[in-house]
Amino acid sequence: MTIPTSQITGLVLAGGRGSRMGGVDKGLQTFRGGPMVLQVIMRLAPQVGPLLINANQNIGPYEGFGYPVWPDQLGGFEGPLAGLQTGLSHCETAYLVTAPCDSPFLPEDLVANLADALDAADAEIAVAVTEEDERRTHPVFALMKTTVLASLDAYLQGGGRKIETWYRSLRFVEVPFADADAFRNINTVDELRRFE
């Protein structure tokens, strides 16, 4: 890997309302014997240096995993970009990588592949894509230089909320991953049971 792990902070995005799961906190739902967010932490933590969690409710339980927890600076559950803004604001390394709390199968080579592509393309942000059946971007799985914060602040202040629109305004590279299932996120109670 071209970028040292110590220079990459991991950010677990757990700031949503969980509306498709009946308003429960998705990250804290039990999955394979523990909170779903713990599965994400266990996969992401070995790939990064410091780790942060972005959560807007149940702060205490999230702090119980032993990592700093930061709520959105923008009020009102404004989506993943608000969580990303918070993570970038508290990031003390040169790079930040994000993963959502409801993706317990995320690839164990996620960060290495994103980092190599970012470095090779001299990009500001690298975003995961899969091409099984259809091409899909997974913009909540992204590695970026922390210098993108100013651009994100301006985009959010202008009322922008679409993550894809924002990252396409930067020097970006899309990084193909073979296993689409690794990016599966669990949004409903039914999916929680099905993938258990």
N, C-alpha and C. Protein backbone atom coordinates (compact mmCIF):
# COMPACT_ATOMS: atom_id res chain seq x y z
N MET A 1 0.85 -1.19 0.00
CA MET A 1 0.00 0.00 0.00
C MET A 1 0.88 1.25 0.00
N THR A 2 0.53 2.20 -0.84
CA THR A 2 1.39 3.37 -1.04
C THR A 2 1.24 4.41 0.07
N ILE A 3 0.10 4.44 0.76
CA ILE A 3 -0.11 5.42 1.83
C ILE A 3 -0.01 4.67 3.17
N PRO A 4 0.82 5.13 4.11
CA PRO A 4 0.93 4.40 5.38
C PRO A 4 -0.41 4.37 6.12
N THR A 5 -0.73 3.22 6.68
CA THR A 5 -1.99 3.05 7.43
C THR A 5 -2.12 4.10 8.53
N SER A 6 -1.01 4.45 9.15
CA SER A 6 -1.05 5.42 10.26
C SER A 6 -1.57 6.78 9.81
N GLN A 7 -1.52 7.05 8.50
CA GLN A 7 -1.98 8.33 7.97
C GLN A 7 -3.45 8.32 7.56
N ILE A 8 -4.12 7.18 7.79
CA ILE A 8 -5.53 7.04 7.38
C ILE A 8 -6.41 6.84 8.61
N THR A 9 -7.36 7.73 8.80
CA THR A 9 -8.36 7.60 9.87
C THR A 9 -9.59 6.92 9.28
N GLY A 10 -10.14 5.96 10.01
CA GLY A 10 -11.39 5.32 9.61
C GLY A 10 -12.57 6.03 10.25
N LEU A 11 -13.63 6.21 9.49
CA LEU A 11 -14.85 6.83 10.01
C LEU A 11 -16.02 5.89 9.75
N VAL A 12 -16.66 5.42 10.83
CA VAL A 12 -17.86 4.59 10.69
C VAL A 12 -19.07 5.52 10.77
N LEU A 13 -19.86 5.53 9.70
CA LEU A 13 -21.03 6.41 9.61
C LEU A 13 -22.24 5.71 10.24
N ALA A 14 -22.64 6.19 11.41
CA ALA A 14 -23.78 5.59 12.12
C ALA A 14 -24.77 6.69 12.51
N GLY A 15 -24.84 7.74 11.69
CA GLY A 15 -25.62 8.91 12.07
C GLY A 15 -27.03 8.96 11.54
N GLY A 16 -27.48 7.90 10.85
CA GLY A 16 -28.81 7.95 10.23
C GLY A 16 -29.94 7.68 11.21
N ARG A 17 -31.15 7.86 10.71
CA ARG A 17 -32.35 7.64 11.53
C ARG A 17 -32.78 6.18 11.56
N GLY A 18 -32.30 5.38 10.59
CA GLY A 18 -32.75 3.99 10.51
C GLY A 18 -34.22 3.88 10.15
N SER A 19 -34.70 4.82 9.31
CA SER A 19 -36.15 4.85 9.04
C SER A 19 -36.64 3.60 8.33
N ARG A 20 -35.81 3.00 7.46
CA ARG A 20 -36.26 1.79 6.76
C ARG A 20 -36.26 0.56 7.68
N MET A 21 -35.67 0.72 8.87
CA MET A 21 -35.69 -0.39 9.83
C MET A 21 -36.63 -0.06 10.98
N GLY A 22 -37.60 0.81 10.71
CA GLY A 22 -38.60 1.13 11.71
C GLY A 22 -38.12 2.14 12.74
N GLY A 23 -37.11 2.94 12.37
CA GLY A 23 -36.65 4.00 13.27
C GLY A 23 -35.69 3.54 14.35
N VAL A 24 -35.22 2.28 14.27
CA VAL A 24 -34.24 1.82 15.26
C VAL A 24 -32.84 2.21 14.79
N ASP A 25 -31.90 2.20 15.72
CA ASP A 25 -30.51 2.53 15.40
C ASP A 25 -29.88 1.29 14.76
N LYS A 26 -29.66 1.37 13.43
CA LYS A 26 -29.20 0.19 12.69
C LYS A 26 -27.91 -0.40 13.25
N GLY A 27 -26.96 0.47 13.54
CA GLY A 27 -25.65 -0.02 13.97
C GLY A 27 -25.70 -0.85 15.24
N LEU A 28 -26.72 -0.61 16.08
CA LEU A 28 -26.80 -1.32 17.36
C LEU A 28 -27.67 -2.58 17.29
N GLN A 29 -28.22 -2.89 16.10
CA GLN A 29 -29.02 -4.11 15.96
C GLN A 29 -28.11 -5.33 16.02
N THR A 30 -28.59 -6.38 16.68
CA THR A 30 -27.78 -7.59 16.82
C THR A 30 -27.68 -8.32 15.48
N PHE A 31 -26.46 -8.64 15.12
CA PHE A 31 -26.19 -9.36 13.88
C PHE A 31 -25.02 -10.31 14.13
N ARG A 32 -25.28 -11.59 13.94
CA ARG A 32 -24.24 -12.60 14.18
C ARG A 32 -23.60 -12.47 15.57
N GLY A 33 -24.47 -12.27 16.55
CA GLY A 33 -24.00 -12.34 17.94
C GLY A 33 -23.51 -11.04 18.56
N GLY A 34 -23.57 -9.94 17.83
CA GLY A 34 -23.14 -8.66 18.41
C GLY A 34 -23.75 -7.52 17.64
N PRO A 35 -23.57 -6.28 18.12
CA PRO A 35 -24.10 -5.14 17.38
C PRO A 35 -23.50 -5.08 15.97
N MET A 36 -24.31 -4.75 14.98
CA MET A 36 -23.84 -4.75 13.59
C MET A 36 -22.63 -3.84 13.40
N VAL A 37 -22.62 -2.69 14.10
CA VAL A 37 -21.49 -1.77 13.96
C VAL A 37 -20.18 -2.42 14.39
N LEU A 38 -20.26 -3.36 15.33
CA LEU A 38 -19.04 -4.04 15.78
C LEU A 38 -18.42 -4.87 14.67
N GLN A 39 -19.27 -5.48 13.83
CA GLN A 39 -18.76 -6.25 12.68
C GLN A 39 -18.00 -5.31 11.72
N VAL A 40 -18.55 -4.11 11.55
CA VAL A 40 -17.91 -3.12 10.67
C VAL A 40 -16.58 -2.68 11.27
N ILE A 41 -16.58 -2.37 12.57
CA ILE A 41 -15.35 -1.94 13.25
C ILE A 41 -14.28 -3.02 13.15
N MET A 42 -14.67 -4.28 13.36
CA MET A 42 -13.69 -5.37 13.33
C MET A 42 -13.06 -5.54 11.95
N ARG A 43 -13.80 -5.20 10.90
CA ARG A 43 -13.24 -5.28 9.54
C ARG A 43 -12.43 -4.04 9.17
N LEU A 44 -12.89 -2.88 9.63
CA LEU A 44 -12.23 -1.63 9.22
C LEU A 44 -11.01 -1.31 10.08
N ALA A 45 -11.08 -1.54 11.38
CA ALA A 45 -10.00 -1.11 12.29
C ALA A 45 -8.61 -1.63 11.89
N PRO A 46 -8.46 -2.92 11.45
CA PRO A 46 -7.12 -3.37 11.08
C PRO A 46 -6.57 -2.69 9.81
N GLN A 47 -7.42 -1.99 9.07
CA GLN A 47 -7.00 -1.38 7.80
C GLN A 47 -6.59 0.08 7.96
N VAL A 48 -6.80 0.65 9.17
CA VAL A 48 -6.58 2.09 9.37
C VAL A 48 -5.74 2.34 10.62
N GLY A 49 -5.38 3.62 10.82
CA GLY A 49 -4.74 4.04 12.07
C GLY A 49 -5.83 4.34 13.09
N PRO A 50 -6.10 5.65 13.33
CA PRO A 50 -7.18 5.99 14.27
C PRO A 50 -8.55 5.63 13.68
N LEU A 51 -9.55 5.51 14.57
CA LEU A 51 -10.92 5.23 14.13
C LEU A 51 -11.86 6.16 14.87
N LEU A 52 -12.84 6.68 14.15
CA LEU A 52 -13.88 7.54 14.72
C LEU A 52 -15.25 6.97 14.37
N ILE A 53 -16.25 7.31 15.18
CA ILE A 53 -17.63 6.92 14.88
C ILE A 53 -18.47 8.20 14.82
N ASN A 54 -19.30 8.30 13.78
CA ASN A 54 -20.25 9.41 13.68
C ASN A 54 -21.63 8.87 14.03
N ALA A 55 -22.22 9.37 15.13
CA ALA A 55 -23.55 8.92 15.55
C ALA A 55 -24.32 10.12 16.10
N ASN A 56 -25.63 10.10 15.89
CA ASN A 56 -26.48 11.21 16.35
C ASN A 56 -27.45 10.81 17.45
N GLN A 57 -27.44 9.54 17.81
CA GLN A 57 -28.28 9.07 18.92
C GLN A 57 -27.54 7.92 19.59
N ASN A 58 -27.96 7.57 20.81
CA ASN A 58 -27.31 6.47 21.54
C ASN A 58 -25.79 6.63 21.63
N ILE A 59 -25.36 7.85 21.93
CA ILE A 59 -23.93 8.15 21.96
C ILE A 59 -23.20 7.23 22.95
N GLY A 60 -23.79 7.03 24.12
CA GLY A 60 -23.17 6.20 25.16
C GLY A 60 -22.84 4.79 24.68
N PRO A 61 -23.83 4.07 24.12
CA PRO A 61 -23.52 2.73 23.60
C PRO A 61 -22.42 2.74 22.54
N TYR A 62 -22.40 3.75 21.68
CA TYR A 62 -21.34 3.81 20.66
C TYR A 62 -19.98 4.06 21.30
N GLU A 63 -19.95 4.90 22.34
CA GLU A 63 -18.68 5.17 23.03
C GLU A 63 -18.15 3.90 23.69
N GLY A 64 -19.06 2.97 23.99
CA GLY A 64 -18.68 1.71 24.61
C GLY A 64 -17.76 0.85 23.76
N PHE A 65 -17.64 1.16 22.46
CA PHE A 65 -16.74 0.38 21.60
C PHE A 65 -15.29 0.86 21.72
N GLY A 66 -15.10 1.97 22.46
CA GLY A 66 -13.73 2.40 22.76
C GLY A 66 -13.14 3.40 21.78
N TYR A 67 -13.98 3.97 20.91
CA TYR A 67 -13.48 4.95 19.93
C TYR A 67 -14.22 6.27 20.13
N PRO A 68 -13.59 7.40 19.73
CA PRO A 68 -14.30 8.68 19.86
C PRO A 68 -15.57 8.70 19.00
N VAL A 69 -16.64 9.27 19.55
CA VAL A 69 -17.92 9.37 18.86
C VAL A 69 -18.27 10.85 18.69
N TRP A 70 -18.59 11.23 17.47
CA TRP A 70 -18.91 12.64 17.18
C TRP A 70 -20.26 12.72 16.47
N PRO A 71 -21.21 13.53 17.01
CA PRO A 71 -22.47 13.76 16.29
C PRO A 71 -22.28 14.79 15.17
N ASP A 72 -23.22 14.80 14.22
CA ASP A 72 -23.18 15.76 13.11
C ASP A 72 -23.07 17.19 13.65
N GLN A 73 -22.29 18.00 12.95
CA GLN A 73 -22.26 19.43 13.27
C GLN A 73 -23.52 20.10 12.74
N LEU A 74 -24.02 19.63 11.60
CA LEU A 74 -25.30 20.11 11.05
C LEU A 74 -26.40 19.37 11.80
N GLY A 75 -27.39 20.09 12.31
CA GLY A 75 -28.50 19.42 12.99
C GLY A 75 -29.48 18.80 12.01
N GLY A 76 -30.31 17.88 12.49
CA GLY A 76 -31.44 17.41 11.70
C GLY A 76 -31.19 16.23 10.78
N PHE A 77 -30.28 15.34 11.12
CA PHE A 77 -30.06 14.11 10.34
C PHE A 77 -29.93 14.41 8.85
N GLU A 78 -28.91 15.15 8.48
CA GLU A 78 -28.77 15.64 7.10
C GLU A 78 -28.10 14.65 6.16
N GLY A 79 -27.91 13.42 6.58
CA GLY A 79 -27.39 12.40 5.66
C GLY A 79 -25.89 12.20 5.78
N PRO A 80 -25.35 11.30 4.92
CA PRO A 80 -23.95 10.90 5.06
C PRO A 80 -22.95 12.03 4.88
N LEU A 81 -23.28 13.05 4.08
CA LEU A 81 -22.32 14.14 3.91
C LEU A 81 -22.12 14.92 5.20
N ALA A 82 -23.18 15.03 6.00
CA ALA A 82 -23.04 15.72 7.30
C ALA A 82 -22.11 14.91 8.21
N GLY A 83 -22.25 13.59 8.17
CA GLY A 83 -21.35 12.73 8.95
C GLY A 83 -19.92 12.83 8.47
N LEU A 84 -19.78 12.91 7.16
CA LEU A 84 -18.46 13.02 6.55
C LEU A 84 -17.80 14.35 6.95
N GLN A 85 -18.59 15.42 6.93
CA GLN A 85 -18.09 16.73 7.35
C GLN A 85 -17.57 16.67 8.79
N THR A 86 -18.34 16.02 9.66
CA THR A 86 -17.95 15.87 11.06
C THR A 86 -16.65 15.07 11.17
N GLY A 87 -16.57 13.96 10.44
CA GLY A 87 -15.37 13.13 10.48
C GLY A 87 -14.14 13.89 10.00
N LEU A 88 -14.29 14.62 8.89
CA LEU A 88 -13.15 15.40 8.36
C LEU A 88 -12.72 16.48 9.35
N SER A 89 -13.68 17.08 10.05
CA SER A 89 -13.38 18.14 11.01
C SER A 89 -12.56 17.62 12.19
N HIS A 90 -12.77 16.35 12.53
CA HIS A 90 -12.09 15.77 13.70
C HIS A 90 -10.92 14.87 13.31
N CYS A 91 -10.64 14.75 12.03
CA CYS A 91 -9.59 13.87 11.54
C CYS A 91 -8.22 14.54 11.73
N GLU A 92 -7.28 13.81 12.33
CA GLU A 92 -5.95 14.38 12.57
C GLU A 92 -4.89 13.76 11.66
N THR A 93 -5.32 12.96 10.67
CA THR A 93 -4.38 12.37 9.72
C THR A 93 -4.62 13.02 8.35
N ALA A 94 -3.78 12.68 7.39
CA ALA A 94 -3.88 13.30 6.06
C ALA A 94 -5.03 12.72 5.23
N TYR A 95 -5.53 11.53 5.62
CA TYR A 95 -6.56 10.85 4.84
C TYR A 95 -7.66 10.34 5.76
N LEU A 96 -8.87 10.26 5.19
CA LEU A 96 -10.02 9.71 5.90
C LEU A 96 -10.70 8.69 4.99
N VAL A 97 -11.08 7.54 5.56
CA VAL A 97 -11.84 6.55 4.79
C VAL A 97 -13.15 6.31 5.53
N THR A 98 -14.24 6.14 4.77
CA THR A 98 -15.56 5.99 5.39
C THR A 98 -16.18 4.63 5.06
N ALA A 99 -16.99 4.15 6.00
CA ALA A 99 -17.80 2.95 5.78
C ALA A 99 -19.06 3.10 6.64
N PRO A 100 -20.22 2.66 6.14
CA PRO A 100 -21.44 2.77 6.92
C PRO A 100 -21.56 1.64 7.95
N CYS A 101 -22.32 1.92 9.01
CA CYS A 101 -22.46 0.98 10.13
C CYS A 101 -23.29 -0.25 9.78
N ASP A 102 -23.93 -0.24 8.59
CA ASP A 102 -24.83 -1.35 8.23
C ASP A 102 -24.25 -2.21 7.11
N SER A 103 -22.92 -2.23 7.01
CA SER A 103 -22.25 -3.00 5.94
C SER A 103 -21.24 -3.98 6.56
N PRO A 104 -21.74 -5.04 7.20
CA PRO A 104 -20.85 -5.93 7.97
C PRO A 104 -19.94 -6.81 7.12
N PHE A 105 -20.09 -6.77 5.79
CA PHE A 105 -19.27 -7.66 4.93
C PHE A 105 -18.18 -6.88 4.20
N LEU A 106 -17.90 -5.64 4.60
CA LEU A 106 -17.00 -4.80 3.80
C LEU A 106 -15.66 -5.47 3.55
N PRO A 107 -15.05 -5.22 2.37
CA PRO A 107 -13.84 -5.95 1.98
C PRO A 107 -12.66 -5.69 2.92
N GLU A 108 -11.88 -6.74 3.14
CA GLU A 108 -10.71 -6.61 4.01
C GLU A 108 -9.56 -5.93 3.30
N ASP A 109 -9.70 -5.71 1.97
CA ASP A 109 -8.68 -4.97 1.22
C ASP A 109 -9.25 -3.64 0.73
N LEU A 110 -10.32 -3.18 1.37
CA LEU A 110 -10.98 -1.93 0.94
C LEU A 110 -9.99 -0.78 0.92
N VAL A 111 -9.32 -0.55 2.05
CA VAL A 111 -8.48 0.64 2.19
C VAL A 111 -7.26 0.54 1.28
N ALA A 112 -6.64 -0.62 1.21
CA ALA A 112 -5.44 -0.78 0.36
C ALA A 112 -5.77 -0.48 -1.10
N ASN A 113 -6.88 -1.01 -1.60
CA ASN A 113 -7.25 -0.79 -3.00
C ASN A 113 -7.60 0.67 -3.28
N LEU A 114 -8.35 1.28 -2.36
CA LEU A 114 -8.71 2.69 -2.54
C LEU A 114 -7.45 3.57 -2.48
N ALA A 115 -6.54 3.25 -1.55
CA ALA A 115 -5.33 4.06 -1.37
C ALA A 115 -4.42 3.97 -2.59
N ASP A 116 -4.25 2.76 -3.12
CA ASP A 116 -3.39 2.60 -4.28
C ASP A 116 -3.95 3.36 -5.49
N ALA A 117 -5.26 3.30 -5.66
CA ALA A 117 -5.89 3.99 -6.80
C ALA A 117 -5.83 5.51 -6.63
N LEU A 118 -6.07 5.98 -5.41
CA LEU A 118 -6.02 7.42 -5.13
C LEU A 118 -4.63 7.96 -5.44
N ASP A 119 -3.63 7.23 -4.98
CA ASP A 119 -2.24 7.64 -5.16
C ASP A 119 -1.86 7.62 -6.65
N ALA A 120 -2.22 6.53 -7.33
CA ALA A 120 -1.85 6.38 -8.75
C ALA A 120 -2.51 7.46 -9.62
N ALA A 121 -3.73 7.84 -9.28
CA ALA A 121 -4.46 8.83 -10.09
C ALA A 121 -4.22 10.27 -9.63
N ASP A 122 -3.45 10.43 -8.55
CA ASP A 122 -3.27 11.74 -7.93
C ASP A 122 -4.64 12.40 -7.70
N ALA A 123 -5.57 11.61 -7.17
CA ALA A 123 -6.94 12.09 -6.95
C ALA A 123 -7.10 12.62 -5.53
N GLU A 124 -8.22 13.33 -5.33
CA GLU A 124 -8.55 13.81 -3.99
C GLU A 124 -9.45 12.82 -3.25
N ILE A 125 -10.19 12.02 -4.02
CA ILE A 125 -11.10 11.06 -3.41
C ILE A 125 -11.18 9.81 -4.30
N ALA A 126 -11.22 8.65 -3.66
CA ALA A 126 -11.38 7.37 -4.36
C ALA A 126 -12.65 6.71 -3.84
N VAL A 127 -13.51 6.28 -4.77
CA VAL A 127 -14.83 5.74 -4.43
C VAL A 127 -14.95 4.31 -4.97
N ALA A 128 -15.50 3.43 -4.16
CA ALA A 128 -15.67 2.03 -4.57
C ALA A 128 -16.80 1.90 -5.59
N VAL A 129 -16.58 1.04 -6.61
CA VAL A 129 -17.64 0.68 -7.55
C VAL A 129 -17.63 -0.83 -7.76
N THR A 130 -18.80 -1.37 -8.06
CA THR A 130 -18.90 -2.79 -8.42
C THR A 130 -19.61 -2.88 -9.76
N GLU A 131 -19.33 -3.95 -10.50
CA GLU A 131 -19.90 -4.07 -11.85
C GLU A 131 -20.61 -5.39 -12.08
N GLU A 132 -20.89 -6.13 -11.01
CA GLU A 132 -21.61 -7.40 -11.12
C GLU A 132 -23.07 -7.06 -11.46
N ASP A 133 -23.64 -7.68 -12.49
CA ASP A 133 -25.00 -7.36 -12.98
C ASP A 133 -25.08 -5.94 -13.56
N GLU A 134 -24.86 -4.93 -12.71
CA GLU A 134 -24.89 -3.54 -13.19
C GLU A 134 -23.82 -2.75 -12.46
N ARG A 135 -23.37 -1.69 -13.10
CA ARG A 135 -22.37 -0.83 -12.46
C ARG A 135 -23.02 -0.01 -11.36
N ARG A 136 -22.45 -0.10 -10.16
CA ARG A 136 -22.98 0.68 -9.05
C ARG A 136 -21.84 1.36 -8.32
N THR A 137 -22.02 2.64 -8.02
CA THR A 137 -21.04 3.32 -7.19
C THR A 137 -21.47 3.18 -5.74
N HIS A 138 -20.49 3.14 -4.86
CA HIS A 138 -20.74 3.01 -3.42
C HIS A 138 -20.04 4.17 -2.72
N PRO A 139 -20.60 5.40 -2.87
CA PRO A 139 -19.86 6.58 -2.42
C PRO A 139 -19.67 6.68 -0.91
N VAL A 140 -20.41 5.89 -0.12
CA VAL A 140 -20.14 5.91 1.33
C VAL A 140 -18.94 5.04 1.69
N PHE A 141 -18.38 4.33 0.69
CA PHE A 141 -17.10 3.63 0.86
C PHE A 141 -16.07 4.43 0.07
N ALA A 142 -15.42 5.37 0.72
CA ALA A 142 -14.53 6.29 0.01
C ALA A 142 -13.33 6.65 0.86
N LEU A 143 -12.22 6.87 0.18
CA LEU A 143 -11.00 7.35 0.83
C LEU A 143 -10.71 8.72 0.25
N MET A 144 -10.44 9.68 1.12
CA MET A 144 -10.21 11.04 0.62
C MET A 144 -9.09 11.72 1.38
N LYS A 145 -8.51 12.75 0.72
CA LYS A 145 -7.58 13.63 1.41
C LYS A 145 -8.40 14.55 2.31
N THR A 146 -7.89 14.85 3.49
CA THR A 146 -8.66 15.69 4.41
C THR A 146 -8.77 17.14 3.90
N THR A 147 -7.99 17.49 2.89
CA THR A 147 -8.08 18.84 2.30
C THR A 147 -9.40 19.08 1.57
N VAL A 148 -10.22 18.04 1.36
CA VAL A 148 -11.51 18.23 0.67
C VAL A 148 -12.55 18.89 1.58
N LEU A 149 -12.22 19.08 2.87
CA LEU A 149 -13.21 19.62 3.81
C LEU A 149 -13.75 20.98 3.37
N ALA A 150 -12.88 21.87 2.88
CA ALA A 150 -13.34 23.22 2.49
C ALA A 150 -14.39 23.13 1.38
N SER A 151 -14.14 22.23 0.42
CA SER A 151 -15.09 22.05 -0.68
C SER A 151 -16.42 21.49 -0.17
N LEU A 152 -16.35 20.56 0.79
CA LEU A 152 -17.56 19.96 1.35
C LEU A 152 -18.35 21.00 2.15
N ASP A 153 -17.64 21.78 2.96
CA ASP A 153 -18.31 22.84 3.73
C ASP A 153 -19.10 23.77 2.78
N ALA A 154 -18.45 24.17 1.69
CA ALA A 154 -19.09 25.09 0.74
C ALA A 154 -20.31 24.44 0.09
N TYR A 155 -20.18 23.15 -0.26
CA TYR A 155 -21.28 22.42 -0.90
C TYR A 155 -22.48 22.32 0.05
N LEU A 156 -22.22 21.98 1.31
CA LEU A 156 -23.30 21.86 2.29
C LEU A 156 -23.93 23.22 2.59
N GLN A 157 -23.11 24.26 2.69
CA GLN A 157 -23.65 25.60 2.95
C GLN A 157 -24.55 26.06 1.82
N GLY A 158 -24.23 25.60 0.59
CA GLY A 158 -25.06 25.95 -0.57
C GLY A 158 -26.32 25.10 -0.68
N GLY A 159 -26.55 24.21 0.30
CA GLY A 159 -27.76 23.39 0.30
C GLY A 159 -27.60 22.03 -0.36
N GLY A 160 -26.40 21.72 -0.86
CA GLY A 160 -26.18 20.42 -1.51
C GLY A 160 -26.20 19.28 -0.50
N ARG A 161 -26.78 18.14 -0.89
CA ARG A 161 -26.81 16.97 0.01
C ARG A 161 -26.44 15.68 -0.71
N LYS A 162 -26.32 15.72 -2.05
CA LYS A 162 -26.05 14.47 -2.80
C LYS A 162 -24.56 14.18 -2.82
N ILE A 163 -24.20 13.04 -2.25
CA ILE A 163 -22.79 12.70 -2.10
C ILE A 163 -22.11 12.55 -3.47
N GLU A 164 -22.84 11.98 -4.44
CA GLU A 164 -22.25 11.75 -5.76
C GLU A 164 -21.96 13.07 -6.49
N THR A 165 -22.89 14.01 -6.38
CA THR A 165 -22.70 15.31 -7.02
C THR A 165 -21.47 16.00 -6.44
N TRP A 166 -21.32 15.90 -5.10
CA TRP A 166 -20.17 16.55 -4.46
C TRP A 166 -18.85 15.90 -4.91
N TYR A 167 -18.75 14.57 -4.82
CA TYR A 167 -17.44 13.99 -5.11
C TYR A 167 -17.06 14.15 -6.58
N ARG A 168 -18.05 14.25 -7.46
CA ARG A 168 -17.74 14.46 -8.89
C ARG A 168 -17.21 15.86 -9.17
N SER A 169 -17.32 16.76 -8.20
CA SER A 169 -16.75 18.10 -8.36
C SER A 169 -15.26 18.12 -8.00
N LEU A 170 -14.77 17.01 -7.46
CA LEU A 170 -13.37 16.90 -7.05
C LEU A 170 -12.58 16.10 -8.10
N ARG A 171 -11.27 15.99 -7.92
CA ARG A 171 -10.47 15.04 -8.72
C ARG A 171 -10.74 13.67 -8.11
N PHE A 172 -11.55 12.87 -8.79
CA PHE A 172 -11.97 11.59 -8.20
C PHE A 172 -11.53 10.43 -9.07
N VAL A 173 -11.43 9.26 -8.42
CA VAL A 173 -11.18 8.02 -9.15
C VAL A 173 -12.17 6.99 -8.61
N GLU A 174 -12.78 6.22 -9.52
CA GLU A 174 -13.69 5.15 -9.10
C GLU A 174 -12.91 3.84 -9.16
N VAL A 175 -12.99 3.07 -8.10
CA VAL A 175 -12.14 1.89 -7.92
C VAL A 175 -12.99 0.63 -7.97
N PRO A 176 -12.78 -0.23 -8.99
CA PRO A 176 -13.62 -1.42 -9.11
C PRO A 176 -13.27 -2.49 -8.07
N PHE A 177 -14.31 -3.09 -7.51
CA PHE A 177 -14.19 -4.24 -6.61
C PHE A 177 -15.01 -5.37 -7.21
N ALA A 178 -14.48 -6.60 -7.14
CA ALA A 178 -15.13 -7.74 -7.80
C ALA A 178 -16.38 -8.21 -7.06
N ASP A 179 -16.36 -8.14 -5.73
CA ASP A 179 -17.43 -8.77 -4.95
C ASP A 179 -18.49 -7.76 -4.53
N ALA A 180 -19.58 -7.71 -5.29
CA ALA A 180 -20.65 -6.75 -4.98
C ALA A 180 -21.27 -7.04 -3.61
N ASP A 181 -21.31 -8.31 -3.21
CA ASP A 181 -21.92 -8.67 -1.92
C ASP A 181 -21.19 -8.05 -0.74
N ALA A 182 -19.90 -7.76 -0.91
CA ALA A 182 -19.12 -7.17 0.19
C ALA A 182 -19.64 -5.79 0.56
N PHE A 183 -20.36 -5.15 -0.38
CA PHE A 183 -20.85 -3.80 -0.14
C PHE A 183 -22.33 -3.79 0.24
N ARG A 184 -22.88 -4.97 0.43
CA ARG A 184 -24.30 -5.06 0.77
C ARG A 184 -24.54 -4.37 2.11
N ASN A 185 -25.56 -3.50 2.14
CA ASN A 185 -25.91 -2.94 3.44
C ASN A 185 -27.28 -3.47 3.86
N ILE A 186 -27.44 -3.54 5.15
CA ILE A 186 -28.63 -4.16 5.74
C ILE A 186 -29.55 -3.04 6.22
N ASN A 187 -30.67 -2.88 5.52
CA ASN A 187 -31.55 -1.75 5.78
C ASN A 187 -32.83 -2.09 6.52
N THR A 188 -33.23 -3.36 6.47
CA THR A 188 -34.53 -3.72 7.04
C THR A 188 -34.35 -4.88 8.01
N VAL A 189 -35.33 -5.08 8.86
CA VAL A 189 -35.31 -6.20 9.81
C VAL A 189 -35.28 -7.52 9.04
N ASP A 190 -36.00 -7.55 7.91
CA ASP A 190 -36.04 -8.76 7.08
C ASP A 190 -34.63 -9.10 6.57
N GLU A 191 -33.89 -8.10 6.09
CA GLU A 191 -32.52 -8.33 5.62
C GLU A 191 -31.62 -8.76 6.77
N LEU A 192 -31.84 -8.18 7.93
CA LEU A 192 -31.06 -8.53 9.12
C LEU A 192 -31.17 -10.03 9.39
N ARG A 193 -32.41 -10.54 9.30
CA ARG A 193 -32.64 -11.98 9.55
C ARG A 193 -32.09 -12.82 8.41
N ARG A 194 -32.28 -12.33 7.17
CA ARG A 194 -31.90 -13.12 6.01
C ARG A 194 -30.39 -13.36 5.95
N PHE A 195 -29.60 -12.34 6.31
CA PHE A 195 -28.15 -12.48 6.20
C PHE A 195 -27.48 -12.95 7.48
N GLU A 196 -28.28 -13.12 8.51
CA GLU A 196 -27.76 -13.62 9.80
C GLU A 196 -27.04 -14.94 9.59
